[in-house]
């Protein structure tokens, strides 16, 4: 890992820790967490009080795929009776894939 990549990762982890200190997911309002790798985008609904993942989805990277994954996650959440979530952007800037996933989840029926 180059120095530039290491600095970016450290910066994102610092932001993640700051966000996670204020955001907590409950069974009534779970945390919608996003993770981006170079090939895939992962979305999870997490109940932090129980320490459990309620539902998750993964898709190939890309804005269109992220929007579809958000809608798919929203459908799975609504089937489980979850309609309100807390959005955790995991230190990523709110644009591109992150924004598309959030918009897809909103269009699917989740309330942020």
N, C-alpha and C. Protein backbone atom coordinates (compact mmCIF):
# COMPACT_ATOMS: atom_id res chain seq x y z
N UNK A 1 0.86 -1.18 0.00
CA UNK A 1 0.00 0.00 0.00
C UNK A 1 0.90 1.23 0.00
N UNK A 2 0.62 2.13 -0.92
CA UNK A 2 1.44 3.33 -1.00
C UNK A 2 1.07 4.31 0.11
N UNK A 3 1.92 5.31 0.29
CA UNK A 3 1.68 6.30 1.35
C UNK A 3 0.37 7.05 1.12
N UNK A 4 0.06 7.35 -0.14
CA UNK A 4 -1.17 8.08 -0.44
C UNK A 4 -2.39 7.23 -0.10
N UNK A 5 -2.37 5.96 -0.48
CA UNK A 5 -3.48 5.07 -0.16
C UNK A 5 -3.62 4.90 1.35
N UNK A 6 -2.50 4.81 2.04
CA UNK A 6 -2.52 4.65 3.49
C UNK A 6 -3.13 5.88 4.16
N UNK A 7 -2.78 7.08 3.69
CA UNK A 7 -3.33 8.31 4.26
C UNK A 7 -4.84 8.39 4.01
N UNK A 8 -5.29 7.99 2.81
CA UNK A 8 -6.72 8.01 2.51
C UNK A 8 -7.47 7.05 3.43
N UNK A 9 -6.91 5.86 3.61
CA UNK A 9 -7.54 4.87 4.47
C UNK A 9 -7.60 5.35 5.91
N UNK A 10 -6.51 5.92 6.41
CA UNK A 10 -6.48 6.44 7.78
C UNK A 10 -7.51 7.56 7.95
N UNK A 11 -7.61 8.45 6.95
CA UNK A 11 -8.57 9.56 7.02
C UNK A 11 -10.00 9.02 7.07
N UNK A 12 -10.31 8.04 6.21
CA UNK A 12 -11.65 7.48 6.19
C UNK A 12 -11.97 6.74 7.48
N UNK A 13 -11.01 6.03 8.05
CA UNK A 13 -11.23 5.34 9.31
C UNK A 13 -11.46 6.31 10.46
N UNK A 14 -10.77 7.44 10.43
CA UNK A 14 -10.98 8.47 11.46
C UNK A 14 -12.40 9.02 11.37
N UNK A 15 -12.84 9.30 10.15
CA UNK A 15 -14.20 9.79 9.95
C UNK A 15 -15.21 8.73 10.36
N UNK A 16 -14.95 7.47 10.01
CA UNK A 16 -15.84 6.36 10.39
C UNK A 16 -16.01 6.28 11.90
N UNK A 17 -14.91 6.39 12.64
CA UNK A 17 -14.99 6.33 14.10
C UNK A 17 -15.81 7.49 14.65
N UNK A 18 -15.63 8.66 14.07
CA UNK A 18 -16.38 9.84 14.53
C UNK A 18 -17.88 9.66 14.26
N UNK A 19 -18.22 9.16 13.09
CA UNK A 19 -19.62 8.94 12.74
C UNK A 19 -20.23 7.86 13.63
N UNK A 20 -19.51 6.77 13.82
CA UNK A 20 -20.02 5.66 14.62
C UNK A 20 -20.18 6.01 16.09
N UNK A 21 -19.47 7.03 16.57
CA UNK A 21 -19.64 7.42 17.98
C UNK A 21 -20.99 8.09 18.20
N UNK A 22 -21.61 8.61 17.14
CA UNK A 22 -22.90 9.29 17.30
C UNK A 22 -24.06 8.48 16.75
N UNK A 23 -23.82 7.61 15.78
CA UNK A 23 -24.89 6.85 15.15
C UNK A 23 -24.96 5.46 15.76
N UNK A 24 -26.14 5.08 16.24
CA UNK A 24 -26.37 3.74 16.77
C UNK A 24 -27.63 3.19 16.14
N UNK A 25 -27.57 1.95 15.69
CA UNK A 25 -28.73 1.30 15.12
C UNK A 25 -29.47 0.50 16.17
N UNK A 26 -30.80 0.57 16.15
CA UNK A 26 -31.62 -0.21 17.07
C UNK A 26 -32.50 -1.15 16.24
N UNK A 27 -33.26 -2.00 16.91
CA UNK A 27 -34.11 -2.92 16.16
C UNK A 27 -35.24 -2.17 15.47
N UNK A 28 -35.71 -1.04 16.05
CA UNK A 28 -36.76 -0.25 15.41
C UNK A 28 -36.21 0.61 14.29
N UNK A 29 -34.98 1.10 14.44
CA UNK A 29 -34.36 1.98 13.45
C UNK A 29 -32.90 1.54 13.25
N UNK A 30 -32.67 0.51 12.43
CA UNK A 30 -31.31 -0.01 12.24
C UNK A 30 -30.44 0.95 11.44
N UNK A 31 -29.16 0.67 11.47
CA UNK A 31 -28.18 1.48 10.75
C UNK A 31 -27.96 0.88 9.38
N UNK A 32 -28.10 1.72 8.33
CA UNK A 32 -27.83 1.29 6.96
C UNK A 32 -26.38 1.66 6.68
N UNK A 33 -25.53 0.65 6.63
CA UNK A 33 -24.10 0.86 6.45
C UNK A 33 -23.71 0.50 5.02
N UNK A 34 -22.75 1.26 4.47
CA UNK A 34 -22.28 1.02 3.12
C UNK A 34 -20.77 0.80 3.16
N UNK A 35 -20.30 -0.12 2.31
CA UNK A 35 -18.87 -0.35 2.16
C UNK A 35 -18.59 -0.51 0.68
N UNK A 36 -17.56 0.18 0.19
CA UNK A 36 -17.19 0.09 -1.22
C UNK A 36 -15.80 -0.54 -1.32
N UNK A 37 -15.71 -1.59 -2.12
CA UNK A 37 -14.41 -2.13 -2.48
C UNK A 37 -14.18 -1.76 -3.94
N UNK A 38 -13.09 -2.21 -4.51
CA UNK A 38 -12.82 -1.86 -5.90
C UNK A 38 -13.78 -2.56 -6.87
N UNK A 39 -14.32 -3.73 -6.48
CA UNK A 39 -15.21 -4.47 -7.37
C UNK A 39 -16.67 -4.46 -6.94
N UNK A 40 -16.94 -4.36 -5.64
CA UNK A 40 -18.30 -4.52 -5.14
C UNK A 40 -18.70 -3.38 -4.20
N UNK A 41 -20.01 -3.23 -4.04
CA UNK A 41 -20.59 -2.32 -3.06
C UNK A 41 -21.47 -3.17 -2.15
N UNK A 42 -21.28 -3.03 -0.85
CA UNK A 42 -22.02 -3.81 0.13
C UNK A 42 -22.93 -2.88 0.94
N UNK A 43 -24.17 -3.29 1.14
CA UNK A 43 -25.12 -2.56 1.98
C UNK A 43 -25.63 -3.50 3.06
N UNK A 44 -25.72 -3.00 4.30
CA UNK A 44 -26.19 -3.82 5.41
C UNK A 44 -27.12 -3.00 6.29
N UNK A 45 -28.12 -3.66 6.85
CA UNK A 45 -28.92 -3.09 7.92
C UNK A 45 -28.48 -3.77 9.20
N UNK A 46 -27.99 -2.96 10.16
CA UNK A 46 -27.36 -3.50 11.36
C UNK A 46 -28.08 -3.01 12.61
N UNK A 47 -28.38 -3.93 13.52
CA UNK A 47 -28.90 -3.61 14.85
C UNK A 47 -27.71 -3.63 15.80
N UNK A 48 -27.21 -2.44 16.16
CA UNK A 48 -26.01 -2.36 17.01
C UNK A 48 -26.28 -2.81 18.43
N UNK A 49 -27.50 -2.67 18.92
CA UNK A 49 -27.80 -3.08 20.29
C UNK A 49 -27.70 -4.60 20.45
N UNK A 50 -28.15 -5.33 19.43
CA UNK A 50 -28.06 -6.79 19.47
C UNK A 50 -26.78 -7.30 18.82
N UNK A 51 -26.10 -6.43 18.08
CA UNK A 51 -24.88 -6.83 17.39
C UNK A 51 -25.16 -7.79 16.24
N UNK A 52 -26.27 -7.54 15.52
CA UNK A 52 -26.68 -8.46 14.47
C UNK A 52 -26.95 -7.72 13.16
N UNK A 53 -26.66 -8.39 12.06
CA UNK A 53 -27.01 -7.88 10.74
C UNK A 53 -28.39 -8.40 10.40
N UNK A 54 -29.32 -7.48 10.13
CA UNK A 54 -30.70 -7.87 9.85
C UNK A 54 -30.88 -8.32 8.40
N UNK A 55 -30.28 -7.59 7.48
CA UNK A 55 -30.32 -7.97 6.07
C UNK A 55 -29.15 -7.29 5.36
N UNK A 56 -28.74 -7.86 4.24
CA UNK A 56 -27.62 -7.28 3.51
C UNK A 56 -27.76 -7.58 2.03
N UNK A 57 -27.02 -6.84 1.24
CA UNK A 57 -26.97 -7.07 -0.20
C UNK A 57 -25.61 -6.62 -0.72
N UNK A 58 -25.23 -7.16 -1.86
CA UNK A 58 -23.97 -6.78 -2.49
C UNK A 58 -24.20 -6.71 -3.98
N UNK A 59 -23.45 -5.82 -4.63
CA UNK A 59 -23.59 -5.65 -6.07
C UNK A 59 -22.24 -5.23 -6.65
N UNK A 60 -22.11 -5.37 -7.93
CA UNK A 60 -20.90 -4.87 -8.60
C UNK A 60 -20.84 -3.36 -8.46
N UNK A 61 -19.65 -2.80 -8.46
CA UNK A 61 -19.49 -1.35 -8.33
C UNK A 61 -20.09 -0.64 -9.53
N UNK A 62 -20.63 0.54 -9.27
CA UNK A 62 -21.25 1.35 -10.31
C UNK A 62 -22.46 2.05 -9.75
N UNK A 63 -22.74 3.22 -10.28
CA UNK A 63 -23.83 4.04 -9.76
C UNK A 63 -25.18 3.35 -10.00
N UNK A 64 -25.40 2.84 -11.19
CA UNK A 64 -26.68 2.19 -11.50
C UNK A 64 -26.89 0.95 -10.64
N UNK A 65 -25.84 0.16 -10.48
CA UNK A 65 -25.94 -1.04 -9.65
C UNK A 65 -26.20 -0.69 -8.19
N UNK A 66 -25.60 0.40 -7.70
CA UNK A 66 -25.79 0.81 -6.31
C UNK A 66 -27.23 1.22 -6.07
N UNK A 67 -27.83 1.91 -7.03
CA UNK A 67 -29.22 2.33 -6.88
C UNK A 67 -30.14 1.11 -6.83
N UNK A 68 -29.87 0.12 -7.67
CA UNK A 68 -30.66 -1.12 -7.65
C UNK A 68 -30.47 -1.86 -6.33
N UNK A 69 -29.25 -1.88 -5.81
CA UNK A 69 -28.98 -2.56 -4.54
C UNK A 69 -29.71 -1.87 -3.40
N UNK A 70 -29.76 -0.53 -3.43
CA UNK A 70 -30.50 0.21 -2.40
C UNK A 70 -31.98 -0.14 -2.43
N UNK A 71 -32.55 -0.23 -3.63
CA UNK A 71 -33.96 -0.59 -3.76
C UNK A 71 -34.20 -2.03 -3.30
N UNK A 72 -33.27 -2.92 -3.62
CA UNK A 72 -33.38 -4.33 -3.20
C UNK A 72 -33.32 -4.45 -1.67
N UNK A 73 -32.41 -3.69 -1.06
CA UNK A 73 -32.29 -3.71 0.40
C UNK A 73 -33.56 -3.15 1.04
N UNK A 74 -34.12 -2.10 0.46
CA UNK A 74 -35.35 -1.50 0.98
C UNK A 74 -36.50 -2.50 0.93
N UNK A 75 -36.58 -3.26 -0.15
CA UNK A 75 -37.64 -4.25 -0.28
C UNK A 75 -37.49 -5.33 0.80
N UNK A 76 -36.26 -5.79 1.02
CA UNK A 76 -36.02 -6.81 2.05
C UNK A 76 -36.33 -6.26 3.44
N UNK A 77 -36.02 -4.99 3.66
CA UNK A 77 -36.30 -4.37 4.97
C UNK A 77 -37.80 -4.23 5.19
N UNK A 78 -38.52 -3.80 4.17
CA UNK A 78 -39.96 -3.64 4.30
C UNK A 78 -40.64 -4.99 4.53
N UNK A 79 -40.11 -6.06 3.95
CA UNK A 79 -40.64 -7.40 4.20
C UNK A 79 -40.47 -7.81 5.66
N UNK A 80 -39.43 -7.28 6.31
CA UNK A 80 -39.19 -7.58 7.73
C UNK A 80 -39.87 -6.58 8.65
N UNK A 81 -40.59 -5.60 8.09
CA UNK A 81 -41.32 -4.62 8.90
C UNK A 81 -40.48 -3.43 9.30
N UNK A 82 -39.38 -3.18 8.62
CA UNK A 82 -38.51 -2.04 8.92
C UNK A 82 -38.75 -0.97 7.87
N UNK A 83 -39.14 0.23 8.32
CA UNK A 83 -39.35 1.31 7.35
C UNK A 83 -38.52 2.55 7.66
N UNK A 84 -37.87 2.61 8.82
CA UNK A 84 -37.01 3.75 9.18
C UNK A 84 -35.61 3.25 9.48
N UNK A 85 -34.62 3.98 8.96
CA UNK A 85 -33.22 3.61 9.18
C UNK A 85 -32.40 4.85 9.47
N UNK A 86 -31.19 4.62 9.97
CA UNK A 86 -30.19 5.67 10.14
C UNK A 86 -29.10 5.39 9.12
N UNK A 87 -28.73 6.39 8.32
CA UNK A 87 -27.77 6.17 7.24
C UNK A 87 -26.35 6.40 7.75
N UNK A 88 -25.49 5.42 7.51
CA UNK A 88 -24.08 5.49 7.88
C UNK A 88 -23.26 5.44 6.59
N UNK A 89 -22.70 6.57 6.20
CA UNK A 89 -21.96 6.63 4.94
C UNK A 89 -20.54 6.11 5.08
N UNK A 90 -20.14 5.72 6.26
CA UNK A 90 -18.85 5.06 6.53
C UNK A 90 -17.64 5.88 6.10
N UNK A 91 -17.72 7.18 6.19
CA UNK A 91 -16.58 8.03 5.88
C UNK A 91 -16.43 8.38 4.42
N UNK A 92 -17.31 7.86 3.57
CA UNK A 92 -17.25 8.20 2.15
C UNK A 92 -17.98 9.51 1.92
N UNK A 93 -17.57 10.26 0.90
CA UNK A 93 -18.28 11.47 0.54
C UNK A 93 -19.65 11.08 -0.01
N UNK A 94 -20.63 11.95 0.24
CA UNK A 94 -22.01 11.66 -0.17
C UNK A 94 -22.21 12.08 -1.62
N UNK A 95 -21.67 11.31 -2.53
CA UNK A 95 -21.89 11.51 -3.96
C UNK A 95 -21.57 10.20 -4.66
N UNK A 96 -21.96 10.09 -5.91
CA UNK A 96 -21.66 8.90 -6.68
C UNK A 96 -22.39 7.67 -6.17
N UNK A 97 -21.64 6.62 -5.87
CA UNK A 97 -22.21 5.34 -5.46
C UNK A 97 -22.97 5.46 -4.14
N UNK A 98 -22.43 6.21 -3.19
CA UNK A 98 -23.07 6.35 -1.88
C UNK A 98 -24.42 7.05 -2.03
N UNK A 99 -24.45 8.13 -2.80
CA UNK A 99 -25.70 8.86 -3.01
C UNK A 99 -26.71 8.00 -3.77
N UNK A 100 -26.25 7.25 -4.78
CA UNK A 100 -27.14 6.40 -5.55
C UNK A 100 -27.76 5.30 -4.68
N UNK A 101 -26.95 4.71 -3.80
CA UNK A 101 -27.47 3.67 -2.90
C UNK A 101 -28.51 4.25 -1.96
N UNK A 102 -28.26 5.44 -1.42
CA UNK A 102 -29.21 6.09 -0.52
C UNK A 102 -30.49 6.45 -1.27
N UNK A 103 -30.37 6.97 -2.49
CA UNK A 103 -31.55 7.31 -3.28
C UNK A 103 -32.37 6.07 -3.62
N UNK A 104 -31.69 4.98 -3.95
CA UNK A 104 -32.39 3.73 -4.24
C UNK A 104 -33.15 3.21 -3.02
N UNK A 105 -32.55 3.33 -1.85
CA UNK A 105 -33.22 2.90 -0.62
C UNK A 105 -34.42 3.79 -0.32
N UNK A 106 -34.26 5.09 -0.54
CA UNK A 106 -35.39 6.02 -0.32
C UNK A 106 -36.52 5.73 -1.30
N UNK A 107 -36.16 5.53 -2.57
CA UNK A 107 -37.18 5.23 -3.58
C UNK A 107 -37.87 3.90 -3.29
N UNK A 108 -37.15 2.98 -2.65
CA UNK A 108 -37.71 1.69 -2.29
C UNK A 108 -38.64 1.75 -1.11
N UNK A 109 -38.67 2.87 -0.39
CA UNK A 109 -39.62 3.02 0.71
C UNK A 109 -39.02 3.23 2.08
N UNK A 110 -37.70 3.29 2.20
CA UNK A 110 -37.10 3.52 3.52
C UNK A 110 -37.08 5.01 3.84
N UNK A 111 -37.26 5.31 5.12
CA UNK A 111 -37.27 6.69 5.60
C UNK A 111 -35.98 6.94 6.38
N UNK A 112 -35.20 7.94 5.97
CA UNK A 112 -33.94 8.26 6.65
C UNK A 112 -34.19 9.37 7.64
